[in-house]
Amino acid sequence: MRKAALSLATAIATASPLAAAAEDQQDRYVLEKSGEGFVRMDRRTGAMSYCTPATDGLACKPAVDAQADYRAEIGKLQEALAALDRRMVKLENSLSQRLESKLPTDEDFEKTLSYMERFLRSFMGVVKDLDKAPAPPPATDPDKT
C-alpha cells in the first residue's frame, strides 16, 4: 500500500507540471474575431498575428508592429543625433584650439604695447623738434622778378 501511495504521489507530482504547462499554453493566446479572420494575441510576449481560415486550420501572419517601426525610427534618429553631437563637439574643439593658438598671450600683448608706446613717444619727439626749429627763409629765385 505504501508503494502504491508513493507511486500515486509521484504520478501526481509528474503530471502537475505537465498539466500546468498545458494549461499555461492553452491560456497563452487570445483569439478575437476581426473582419473575415481573427486577431491572435500572445499574452506572454504581446505579439499579435492576423489569422484567416485555411483548408488545414488557421493561417496566421504576424501583424505589422507599428511600435517596432517607431522604435526603429527613434533608434536611427538617436544615432544620427549622437553623430551630430560628436561632430559639433569636434568642430567646436578644433575652432577654439585654432583661435586660442592665434591669440597673443598677455606677455605678448604687453610687449607689443611697450613697442607702440616707445614708437609714439619717439614720433611725438620728432614732431616737437620740428615745431621748435626756425622756419627756413623763403628761397629766392633769381629768375623771378
N, C-alpha and C. Protein backbone atom coordinates (compact mmCIF):
# COMPACT_ATOMS: atom_id res chain seq x y z
N MET A 1 0.81 -1.17 0.00
CA MET A 1 0.00 0.00 0.00
C MET A 1 0.86 1.26 0.00
N ARG A 2 1.91 1.14 0.77
CA ARG A 2 2.83 2.26 0.81
C ARG A 2 3.42 2.53 -0.56
N LYS A 3 3.72 1.48 -1.24
CA LYS A 3 4.29 1.58 -2.57
C LYS A 3 3.29 2.22 -3.54
N ALA A 4 2.05 1.88 -3.43
CA ALA A 4 1.01 2.43 -4.30
C ALA A 4 0.82 3.92 -4.03
N ALA A 5 0.87 4.30 -2.77
CA ALA A 5 0.71 5.72 -2.41
C ALA A 5 1.89 6.52 -2.92
N LEU A 6 3.08 5.91 -2.82
CA LEU A 6 4.28 6.60 -3.30
C LEU A 6 4.23 6.76 -4.81
N SER A 7 3.82 5.73 -5.52
CA SER A 7 3.74 5.84 -6.98
C SER A 7 2.63 6.79 -7.40
N LEU A 8 1.54 6.83 -6.63
CA LEU A 8 0.46 7.77 -6.93
C LEU A 8 0.93 9.21 -6.71
N ALA A 9 1.70 9.47 -5.64
CA ALA A 9 2.23 10.81 -5.36
C ALA A 9 3.22 11.21 -6.44
N THR A 10 4.03 10.26 -6.87
CA THR A 10 4.99 10.54 -7.94
C THR A 10 4.27 10.86 -9.24
N ALA A 11 3.23 10.12 -9.54
CA ALA A 11 2.46 10.36 -10.77
C ALA A 11 1.79 11.73 -10.73
N ILE A 12 1.27 12.12 -9.59
CA ILE A 12 0.62 13.43 -9.46
C ILE A 12 1.65 14.53 -9.59
N ALA A 13 2.82 14.34 -8.94
CA ALA A 13 3.87 15.36 -9.00
C ALA A 13 4.39 15.53 -10.43
N THR A 14 4.51 14.42 -11.17
CA THR A 14 4.98 14.49 -12.54
C THR A 14 3.92 15.08 -13.45
N ALA A 15 2.70 14.76 -13.25
CA ALA A 15 1.62 15.23 -14.11
C ALA A 15 1.30 16.69 -13.85
N SER A 16 1.53 17.14 -12.64
CA SER A 16 1.19 18.51 -12.27
C SER A 16 1.91 19.55 -13.13
N PRO A 17 3.25 19.49 -13.31
CA PRO A 17 3.90 20.47 -14.16
C PRO A 17 3.44 20.36 -15.61
N LEU A 18 3.20 19.12 -16.07
CA LEU A 18 2.73 18.96 -17.45
C LEU A 18 1.34 19.56 -17.62
N ALA A 19 0.49 19.33 -16.63
CA ALA A 19 -0.85 19.89 -16.69
C ALA A 19 -0.80 21.40 -16.62
N ALA A 20 0.08 21.93 -15.75
CA ALA A 20 0.22 23.38 -15.62
C ALA A 20 0.77 23.97 -16.91
N ALA A 21 1.73 23.29 -17.53
CA ALA A 21 2.31 23.78 -18.78
C ALA A 21 1.27 23.76 -19.89
N ALA A 22 0.48 22.69 -19.94
CA ALA A 22 -0.56 22.59 -20.96
C ALA A 22 -1.61 23.68 -20.73
N GLU A 23 -1.97 23.90 -19.47
CA GLU A 23 -2.96 24.94 -19.16
C GLU A 23 -2.38 26.32 -19.49
N ASP A 24 -1.09 26.49 -19.20
CA ASP A 24 -0.42 27.77 -19.50
C ASP A 24 -0.42 28.01 -21.01
N GLN A 25 -0.12 26.99 -21.79
CA GLN A 25 -0.12 27.14 -23.25
C GLN A 25 -1.53 27.42 -23.77
N GLN A 26 -2.51 26.81 -23.13
CA GLN A 26 -3.89 26.99 -23.57
C GLN A 26 -4.34 28.43 -23.30
N ASP A 27 -3.92 29.02 -22.20
CA ASP A 27 -4.30 30.39 -21.86
C ASP A 27 -3.33 31.42 -22.41
N ARG A 28 -2.31 30.97 -23.11
CA ARG A 28 -1.30 31.90 -23.61
C ARG A 28 -1.85 32.80 -24.70
N TYR A 29 -2.68 32.27 -25.60
CA TYR A 29 -3.17 33.03 -26.75
C TYR A 29 -4.63 33.40 -26.59
N VAL A 30 -5.00 34.56 -27.11
CA VAL A 30 -6.38 35.02 -27.11
C VAL A 30 -6.76 35.27 -28.56
N LEU A 31 -7.92 34.75 -28.98
CA LEU A 31 -8.42 34.98 -30.34
C LEU A 31 -9.63 35.89 -30.28
N GLU A 32 -9.63 36.89 -31.13
CA GLU A 32 -10.77 37.81 -31.24
C GLU A 32 -11.16 37.89 -32.71
N LYS A 33 -12.43 37.85 -32.98
CA LYS A 33 -12.94 37.94 -34.36
C LYS A 33 -12.66 39.35 -34.89
N SER A 34 -12.15 39.40 -36.11
CA SER A 34 -11.86 40.69 -36.74
C SER A 34 -12.05 40.53 -38.24
N GLY A 35 -13.07 41.17 -38.77
CA GLY A 35 -13.34 41.05 -40.21
C GLY A 35 -13.63 39.62 -40.59
N GLU A 36 -12.89 39.12 -41.58
CA GLU A 36 -13.09 37.73 -42.03
C GLU A 36 -12.18 36.75 -41.30
N GLY A 37 -11.34 37.23 -40.41
CA GLY A 37 -10.41 36.36 -39.71
C GLY A 37 -10.43 36.62 -38.21
N PHE A 38 -9.28 36.36 -37.62
CA PHE A 38 -9.13 36.52 -36.18
C PHE A 38 -7.81 37.23 -35.88
N VAL A 39 -7.83 37.96 -34.81
CA VAL A 39 -6.59 38.53 -34.29
C VAL A 39 -6.18 37.66 -33.12
N ARG A 40 -4.94 37.16 -33.18
CA ARG A 40 -4.42 36.31 -32.11
C ARG A 40 -3.34 37.09 -31.36
N MET A 41 -3.49 37.17 -30.04
CA MET A 41 -2.50 37.88 -29.23
C MET A 41 -1.84 36.90 -28.28
N ASP A 42 -0.53 36.97 -28.24
CA ASP A 42 0.25 36.16 -27.32
C ASP A 42 0.30 36.92 -25.99
N ARG A 43 -0.29 36.36 -24.97
CA ARG A 43 -0.35 37.06 -23.68
C ARG A 43 1.02 37.18 -23.02
N ARG A 44 1.92 36.29 -23.37
CA ARG A 44 3.23 36.33 -22.75
C ARG A 44 4.12 37.39 -23.40
N THR A 45 4.13 37.50 -24.73
CA THR A 45 5.03 38.43 -25.41
C THR A 45 4.34 39.68 -25.92
N GLY A 46 3.01 39.62 -26.08
CA GLY A 46 2.29 40.77 -26.63
C GLY A 46 2.27 40.78 -28.14
N ALA A 47 2.91 39.79 -28.78
CA ALA A 47 2.94 39.72 -30.24
C ALA A 47 1.54 39.42 -30.76
N MET A 48 1.21 40.06 -31.89
CA MET A 48 -0.11 39.86 -32.47
C MET A 48 0.02 39.31 -33.88
N SER A 49 -0.95 38.49 -34.26
CA SER A 49 -0.99 37.89 -35.59
C SER A 49 -2.41 38.01 -36.12
N TYR A 50 -2.52 38.05 -37.44
CA TYR A 50 -3.85 38.04 -38.06
C TYR A 50 -4.02 36.67 -38.70
N CYS A 51 -5.05 35.97 -38.30
CA CYS A 51 -5.28 34.61 -38.75
C CYS A 51 -6.53 34.56 -39.64
N THR A 52 -6.40 33.81 -40.74
CA THR A 52 -7.54 33.61 -41.64
C THR A 52 -7.77 32.12 -41.79
N PRO A 53 -9.03 31.75 -42.02
CA PRO A 53 -9.33 30.32 -42.20
C PRO A 53 -8.61 29.78 -43.43
N ALA A 54 -8.05 28.60 -43.28
CA ALA A 54 -7.39 27.91 -44.39
C ALA A 54 -7.91 26.48 -44.43
N THR A 55 -7.51 25.73 -45.44
CA THR A 55 -8.01 24.35 -45.59
C THR A 55 -7.57 23.46 -44.43
N ASP A 56 -6.39 23.72 -43.87
CA ASP A 56 -5.91 22.87 -42.79
C ASP A 56 -5.93 23.58 -41.43
N GLY A 57 -6.84 24.53 -41.25
CA GLY A 57 -6.94 25.23 -39.97
C GLY A 57 -6.86 26.73 -40.17
N LEU A 58 -6.10 27.38 -39.37
CA LEU A 58 -5.91 28.83 -39.47
C LEU A 58 -4.51 29.12 -39.99
N ALA A 59 -4.43 30.09 -40.89
CA ALA A 59 -3.13 30.55 -41.37
C ALA A 59 -2.89 31.92 -40.74
N CYS A 60 -1.85 32.02 -39.94
CA CYS A 60 -1.58 33.27 -39.21
C CYS A 60 -0.34 33.96 -39.75
N LYS A 61 -0.47 35.26 -39.90
CA LYS A 61 0.66 36.09 -40.33
C LYS A 61 0.89 37.12 -39.23
N PRO A 62 2.16 37.40 -38.92
CA PRO A 62 2.41 38.41 -37.89
C PRO A 62 1.82 39.75 -38.31
N ALA A 63 1.19 40.40 -37.36
CA ALA A 63 0.62 41.72 -37.62
C ALA A 63 1.75 42.73 -37.74
N VAL A 64 1.52 43.75 -38.53
CA VAL A 64 2.51 44.81 -38.67
C VAL A 64 2.61 45.50 -37.32
N ASP A 65 3.82 45.53 -36.81
CA ASP A 65 4.04 46.13 -35.49
C ASP A 65 4.50 47.57 -35.69
N ALA A 66 3.55 48.48 -35.61
CA ALA A 66 3.86 49.90 -35.80
C ALA A 66 4.81 50.38 -34.71
N GLN A 67 4.65 49.84 -33.52
CA GLN A 67 5.53 50.25 -32.43
C GLN A 67 6.98 49.88 -32.75
N ALA A 68 7.19 48.72 -33.34
CA ALA A 68 8.56 48.32 -33.69
C ALA A 68 9.12 49.27 -34.73
N ASP A 69 8.30 49.67 -35.70
CA ASP A 69 8.76 50.63 -36.71
C ASP A 69 9.12 51.96 -36.06
N TYR A 70 8.27 52.42 -35.14
CA TYR A 70 8.56 53.67 -34.43
C TYR A 70 9.84 53.56 -33.62
N ARG A 71 9.99 52.43 -32.92
CA ARG A 71 11.21 52.24 -32.12
C ARG A 71 12.44 52.21 -33.02
N ALA A 72 12.34 51.56 -34.17
CA ALA A 72 13.48 51.52 -35.09
C ALA A 72 13.80 52.92 -35.60
N GLU A 73 12.78 53.69 -35.96
CA GLU A 73 13.00 55.06 -36.44
C GLU A 73 13.59 55.93 -35.34
N ILE A 74 13.09 55.77 -34.12
CA ILE A 74 13.64 56.53 -33.00
C ILE A 74 15.10 56.16 -32.78
N GLY A 75 15.41 54.88 -32.90
CA GLY A 75 16.80 54.44 -32.76
C GLY A 75 17.71 55.07 -33.81
N LYS A 76 17.23 55.10 -35.06
CA LYS A 76 18.02 55.73 -36.13
C LYS A 76 18.22 57.21 -35.86
N LEU A 77 17.16 57.89 -35.43
CA LEU A 77 17.26 59.32 -35.14
C LEU A 77 18.20 59.59 -33.97
N GLN A 78 18.16 58.72 -32.96
CA GLN A 78 19.06 58.90 -31.82
C GLN A 78 20.51 58.71 -32.24
N GLU A 79 20.76 57.74 -33.13
CA GLU A 79 22.13 57.54 -33.63
C GLU A 79 22.59 58.75 -34.43
N ALA A 80 21.70 59.28 -35.29
CA ALA A 80 22.06 60.46 -36.09
C ALA A 80 22.32 61.66 -35.19
N LEU A 81 21.50 61.83 -34.16
CA LEU A 81 21.70 62.94 -33.22
C LEU A 81 23.02 62.81 -32.48
N ALA A 82 23.33 61.60 -32.05
CA ALA A 82 24.60 61.37 -31.35
C ALA A 82 25.78 61.66 -32.28
N ALA A 83 25.67 61.28 -33.56
CA ALA A 83 26.74 61.56 -34.52
C ALA A 83 26.89 63.06 -34.71
N LEU A 84 25.77 63.78 -34.80
CA LEU A 84 25.83 65.24 -34.94
C LEU A 84 26.44 65.88 -33.69
N ASP A 85 26.08 65.38 -32.53
CA ASP A 85 26.66 65.91 -31.29
C ASP A 85 28.18 65.71 -31.27
N ARG A 86 28.63 64.51 -31.66
CA ARG A 86 30.07 64.24 -31.70
C ARG A 86 30.76 65.17 -32.70
N ARG A 87 30.13 65.38 -33.85
CA ARG A 87 30.72 66.25 -34.87
C ARG A 87 30.78 67.70 -34.37
N MET A 88 29.71 68.16 -33.72
CA MET A 88 29.68 69.52 -33.21
C MET A 88 30.77 69.73 -32.16
N VAL A 89 30.93 68.79 -31.26
CA VAL A 89 31.96 68.90 -30.23
C VAL A 89 33.34 68.93 -30.88
N LYS A 90 33.52 68.10 -31.88
CA LYS A 90 34.82 68.06 -32.58
C LYS A 90 35.10 69.39 -33.26
N LEU A 91 34.08 69.94 -33.93
CA LEU A 91 34.26 71.23 -34.61
C LEU A 91 34.50 72.35 -33.61
N GLU A 92 33.74 72.37 -32.54
CA GLU A 92 33.93 73.41 -31.53
C GLU A 92 35.32 73.34 -30.91
N ASN A 93 35.77 72.15 -30.64
CA ASN A 93 37.10 72.00 -30.04
C ASN A 93 38.19 72.44 -31.01
N SER A 94 38.06 72.05 -32.27
CA SER A 94 39.10 72.44 -33.24
C SER A 94 39.08 73.94 -33.46
N LEU A 95 37.90 74.57 -33.51
CA LEU A 95 37.80 76.01 -33.71
C LEU A 95 38.38 76.76 -32.51
N SER A 96 38.04 76.32 -31.31
CA SER A 96 38.55 77.01 -30.13
C SER A 96 40.07 76.84 -30.02
N GLN A 97 40.58 75.67 -30.39
CA GLN A 97 42.02 75.46 -30.34
C GLN A 97 42.73 76.36 -31.36
N ARG A 98 42.13 76.49 -32.56
CA ARG A 98 42.75 77.35 -33.57
C ARG A 98 42.73 78.80 -33.12
N LEU A 99 41.60 79.24 -32.54
CA LEU A 99 41.52 80.63 -32.08
C LEU A 99 42.47 80.87 -30.91
N GLU A 100 42.51 79.96 -29.98
CA GLU A 100 43.37 80.13 -28.83
C GLU A 100 44.83 80.12 -29.23
N SER A 101 45.18 79.33 -30.22
CA SER A 101 46.58 79.27 -30.63
C SER A 101 47.00 80.54 -31.36
N LYS A 102 46.06 81.30 -31.95
CA LYS A 102 46.39 82.51 -32.67
C LYS A 102 46.31 83.76 -31.81
N LEU A 103 45.66 83.70 -30.69
CA LEU A 103 45.54 84.87 -29.84
C LEU A 103 46.84 85.08 -29.07
N PRO A 104 47.25 86.34 -28.93
CA PRO A 104 48.50 86.59 -28.19
C PRO A 104 48.30 86.36 -26.70
N THR A 105 49.38 86.03 -26.06
CA THR A 105 49.34 85.88 -24.61
C THR A 105 49.39 87.28 -23.99
N ASP A 106 49.16 87.35 -22.70
CA ASP A 106 49.24 88.65 -22.01
C ASP A 106 50.65 89.23 -22.12
N GLU A 107 51.62 88.36 -22.06
CA GLU A 107 53.01 88.81 -22.16
C GLU A 107 53.28 89.41 -23.54
N ASP A 108 52.80 88.75 -24.59
CA ASP A 108 52.96 89.27 -25.96
C ASP A 108 52.26 90.61 -26.10
N PHE A 109 51.07 90.73 -25.52
CA PHE A 109 50.31 91.97 -25.62
C PHE A 109 51.07 93.12 -24.94
N GLU A 110 51.57 92.88 -23.73
CA GLU A 110 52.32 93.92 -23.01
C GLU A 110 53.58 94.31 -23.77
N LYS A 111 54.25 93.35 -24.35
CA LYS A 111 55.46 93.63 -25.13
C LYS A 111 55.14 94.51 -26.33
N THR A 112 54.08 94.17 -27.04
CA THR A 112 53.66 94.95 -28.21
C THR A 112 53.23 96.35 -27.79
N LEU A 113 52.53 96.45 -26.69
CA LEU A 113 52.10 97.75 -26.19
C LEU A 113 53.29 98.64 -25.85
N SER A 114 54.33 98.05 -25.27
CA SER A 114 55.52 98.85 -24.94
C SER A 114 56.24 99.32 -26.21
N TYR A 115 56.27 98.48 -27.26
CA TYR A 115 56.86 98.91 -28.54
C TYR A 115 56.09 100.10 -29.10
N MET A 116 54.76 99.99 -29.08
CA MET A 116 53.93 101.07 -29.62
C MET A 116 54.13 102.35 -28.81
N GLU A 117 54.23 102.22 -27.50
CA GLU A 117 54.41 103.39 -26.66
C GLU A 117 55.75 104.07 -26.97
N ARG A 118 56.82 103.28 -27.10
CA ARG A 118 58.12 103.84 -27.44
C ARG A 118 58.10 104.51 -28.80
N PHE A 119 57.43 103.87 -29.76
CA PHE A 119 57.34 104.44 -31.10
C PHE A 119 56.62 105.80 -31.07
N LEU A 120 55.47 105.84 -30.40
CA LEU A 120 54.71 107.08 -30.35
C LEU A 120 55.47 108.18 -29.60
N ARG A 121 56.18 107.85 -28.52
CA ARG A 121 56.97 108.85 -27.81
C ARG A 121 58.07 109.41 -28.72
N SER A 122 58.74 108.53 -29.47
CA SER A 122 59.78 108.99 -30.40
C SER A 122 59.17 109.86 -31.49
N PHE A 123 58.05 109.44 -32.01
CA PHE A 123 57.40 110.21 -33.09
C PHE A 123 56.98 111.58 -32.58
N MET A 124 56.40 111.63 -31.39
CA MET A 124 55.98 112.91 -30.83
C MET A 124 57.20 113.79 -30.56
N GLY A 125 58.33 113.19 -30.19
CA GLY A 125 59.57 113.96 -30.01
C GLY A 125 60.02 114.61 -31.30
N VAL A 126 59.92 113.87 -32.37
CA VAL A 126 60.29 114.41 -33.69
C VAL A 126 59.35 115.55 -34.05
N VAL A 127 58.07 115.41 -33.81
CA VAL A 127 57.09 116.45 -34.13
C VAL A 127 57.38 117.70 -33.31
N LYS A 128 57.72 117.55 -32.02
CA LYS A 128 58.03 118.71 -31.17
C LYS A 128 59.30 119.41 -31.65
N ASP A 129 60.29 118.60 -32.06
CA ASP A 129 61.53 119.19 -32.56
C ASP A 129 61.27 119.98 -33.83
N LEU A 130 60.39 119.51 -34.68
CA LEU A 130 60.07 120.23 -35.91
C LEU A 130 59.36 121.54 -35.60
N ASP A 131 58.51 121.55 -34.56
CA ASP A 131 57.81 122.78 -34.18
C ASP A 131 58.80 123.82 -33.63
N LYS A 132 59.82 123.38 -32.92
CA LYS A 132 60.78 124.29 -32.30
C LYS A 132 61.77 124.86 -33.32
N ALA A 133 62.07 124.14 -34.35
CA ALA A 133 63.08 124.60 -35.33
C ALA A 133 62.57 125.83 -36.07
N PRO A 134 63.47 126.82 -36.32
CA PRO A 134 63.04 128.00 -37.07
C PRO A 134 62.70 127.64 -38.50
N ALA A 135 61.75 128.36 -39.02
CA ALA A 135 61.33 128.10 -40.40
C ALA A 135 62.44 128.57 -41.33
N PRO A 136 62.73 127.81 -42.36
CA PRO A 136 63.78 128.24 -43.29
C PRO A 136 63.32 129.47 -44.07
N PRO A 137 64.24 130.36 -44.40
CA PRO A 137 63.84 131.54 -45.16
C PRO A 137 63.32 131.13 -46.53
N PRO A 138 62.42 131.95 -47.07
CA PRO A 138 61.90 131.61 -48.38
C PRO A 138 63.02 131.67 -49.41
N ALA A 139 62.98 130.73 -50.25
CA ALA A 139 64.03 130.67 -51.29
C ALA A 139 63.77 131.75 -52.32
N THR A 140 64.79 132.39 -52.72
CA THR A 140 64.65 133.42 -53.76
C THR A 140 65.13 132.83 -55.05
N ASP A 141 64.36 133.07 -56.04
CA ASP A 141 64.73 132.56 -57.36
C ASP A 141 65.22 133.75 -58.18
N PRO A 142 66.43 133.70 -58.68
CA PRO A 142 66.95 134.81 -59.41
C PRO A 142 66.20 135.11 -60.70
N ASP A 143 65.47 134.13 -61.22
CA ASP A 143 64.77 134.34 -62.49
C ASP A 143 63.43 135.03 -62.27
N LYS A 144 62.99 135.15 -61.05
CA LYS A 144 61.72 135.77 -60.80
C LYS A 144 61.88 137.26 -60.63
N THR A 145 60.99 138.03 -61.05
CA THR A 145 61.06 139.47 -60.92
C THR A 145 60.18 140.03 -59.90
